[in-house]
Amino acid sequence: MTKTTLKATVFAAAFAVAGFAGAQTAPETAPPADPATDTMSAPSNPAPAAAPSSQQLETALNTAGYSDVADLSQNGEVWTAQATNPQGAAVMIEVDPTAGTVQETPVETEEAE
């Protein structure tokens, strides 16, 4: 099994191109809080990003050099598909958008037999 790890920044950029980043609006500004009485201004954790749709993931894979993406399906956070990798080989891929990784497994084609 061949493993290709793409940097998370490649996927982040590809997801942004695909519209995965989504529009964010700036929060309304409020007057400065009195630290002695303000209990609501504690730092909060941002909400986790929404998982990409199949179309967004396919666009991100195309941007990363994959083509002929087919049979795209999701199992938890991991997506699987058949595709042609950037080197032109037919592969089965497993994509973890959270980690920004793609694992490739070569697919035996009729030509290879």
Protein backbone atom coordinates (compact mmCIF):
# COMPACT_ATOMS: atom_id res chain seq x y z
CA MET A 1 0.00 0.00 0.00
CA THR A 2 1.36 3.39 -0.96
CA LYS A 3 0.68 6.22 1.43
CA THR A 4 0.74 9.80 0.25
CA THR A 5 0.32 12.46 2.88
CA LEU A 6 -0.69 15.89 1.68
CA LYS A 7 -0.02 18.80 3.94
CA ALA A 8 -3.06 20.16 5.74
CA THR A 9 -2.41 23.53 4.14
CA VAL A 10 -2.94 22.05 0.68
CA PHE A 11 -6.35 20.77 1.71
CA ALA A 12 -7.17 23.97 3.57
CA ALA A 13 -6.44 25.96 0.42
CA ALA A 14 -8.35 23.50 -1.74
CA PHE A 15 -11.36 23.56 0.58
CA ALA A 16 -11.29 27.36 0.51
CA VAL A 17 -11.34 27.25 -3.28
CA ALA A 18 -14.25 24.82 -3.10
CA GLY A 19 -16.19 27.15 -0.84
CA PHE A 20 -15.64 24.95 2.20
CA ALA A 21 -14.36 27.83 4.30
CA GLY A 22 -17.77 29.48 4.25
CA ALA A 23 -18.50 33.10 4.85
CA GLN A 24 -18.03 34.42 8.32
CA THR A 25 -19.49 37.61 9.66
CA ALA A 26 -17.75 39.84 12.14
CA PRO A 27 -19.35 39.85 15.57
CA GLU A 28 -21.11 42.96 16.71
CA THR A 29 -18.94 45.09 18.93
CA ALA A 30 -20.06 45.67 22.47
CA PRO A 31 -18.87 48.24 24.95
CA PRO A 32 -15.85 47.15 26.99
CA ALA A 33 -16.81 44.90 29.87
CA ASP A 34 -15.99 45.58 33.50
CA PRO A 35 -13.63 42.70 34.40
CA ALA A 36 -14.80 42.78 38.02
CA THR A 37 -18.42 41.97 37.10
CA ASP A 38 -18.22 40.42 33.65
CA THR A 39 -18.72 36.66 33.77
CA MET A 40 -19.73 36.27 30.12
CA SER A 41 -16.46 37.25 28.41
CA ALA A 42 -14.48 34.15 29.25
CA PRO A 43 -12.63 32.84 26.19
CA SER A 44 -14.66 30.23 24.36
CA ASN A 45 -13.67 27.45 22.02
CA PRO A 46 -14.74 28.04 18.43
CA ALA A 47 -17.32 25.68 16.99
CA PRO A 48 -15.80 22.83 14.96
CA ALA A 49 -15.82 23.34 11.21
CA ALA A 50 -18.57 21.61 9.29
CA ALA A 51 -17.56 18.52 7.36
CA PRO A 52 -17.09 19.08 3.64
CA SER A 53 -19.78 17.96 1.22
CA SER A 54 -18.95 15.40 -1.45
CA GLN A 55 -18.86 18.16 -4.09
CA GLN A 56 -16.47 20.25 -1.98
CA LEU A 57 -14.23 17.26 -1.40
CA GLU A 58 -14.22 16.34 -5.09
CA THR A 59 -13.26 19.92 -5.98
CA ALA A 60 -10.48 19.84 -3.36
CA LEU A 61 -9.16 16.55 -4.77
CA ASN A 62 -9.21 17.97 -8.31
CA THR A 63 -7.30 21.02 -7.05
CA ALA A 64 -4.74 18.67 -5.45
CA GLY A 65 -4.21 16.94 -8.82
CA TYR A 66 -6.60 13.97 -8.64
CA SER A 67 -8.94 13.32 -11.57
CA ASP A 68 -11.71 10.89 -12.52
CA VAL A 69 -12.99 10.89 -8.90
CA ALA A 70 -15.78 8.30 -8.63
CA ASP A 71 -17.74 6.32 -6.04
CA LEU A 72 -17.15 8.98 -3.37
CA SER A 73 -18.65 7.85 -0.05
CA GLN A 74 -18.28 8.85 3.59
CA ASN A 75 -17.79 6.67 6.67
CA GLY A 76 -17.57 8.90 9.74
CA GLU A 77 -15.07 11.65 8.93
CA VAL A 78 -13.19 9.53 6.37
CA TRP A 79 -14.15 9.61 2.70
CA THR A 80 -13.29 6.91 0.16
CA ALA A 81 -13.27 7.08 -3.62
CA GLN A 82 -11.67 5.75 -6.76
CA ALA A 83 -9.56 8.26 -8.67
CA THR A 84 -6.56 8.84 -10.86
CA ASN A 85 -3.68 10.27 -8.82
CA PRO A 86 -1.49 13.17 -10.01
CA GLN A 87 0.99 10.65 -11.48
CA GLY A 88 -1.75 9.10 -13.66
CA ALA A 89 -2.22 5.83 -11.74
CA ALA A 90 -5.64 4.43 -10.83
CA VAL A 91 -5.98 4.38 -7.05
CA MET A 92 -8.48 3.81 -4.25
CA ILE A 93 -8.17 6.74 -1.86
CA GLU A 94 -9.12 7.37 1.75
CA VAL A 95 -9.34 11.05 2.64
CA ASP A 96 -9.30 12.45 6.18
CA PRO A 97 -10.14 16.15 5.72
CA THR A 98 -9.51 16.86 9.41
CA ALA A 99 -5.94 15.60 9.25
CA GLY A 100 -5.45 16.71 5.65
CA THR A 101 -4.28 13.28 4.52
CA VAL A 102 -4.92 11.06 1.53
CA GLN A 103 -3.99 7.38 1.61
CA GLU A 104 -3.69 5.69 -1.76
CA THR A 105 -4.00 2.02 -2.60
CA PRO A 106 -3.15 1.08 -6.19
CA VAL A 107 -6.04 -0.39 -8.15
CA GLU A 108 -5.20 -3.27 -10.46
CA THR A 109 -6.52 -2.49 -13.89
CA GLU A 110 -7.21 -4.88 -16.76
CA GLU A 111 -4.19 -3.41 -18.57
CA ALA A 112 -1.91 -4.49 -15.70
CA GLU A 113 -3.00 -8.11 -15.85
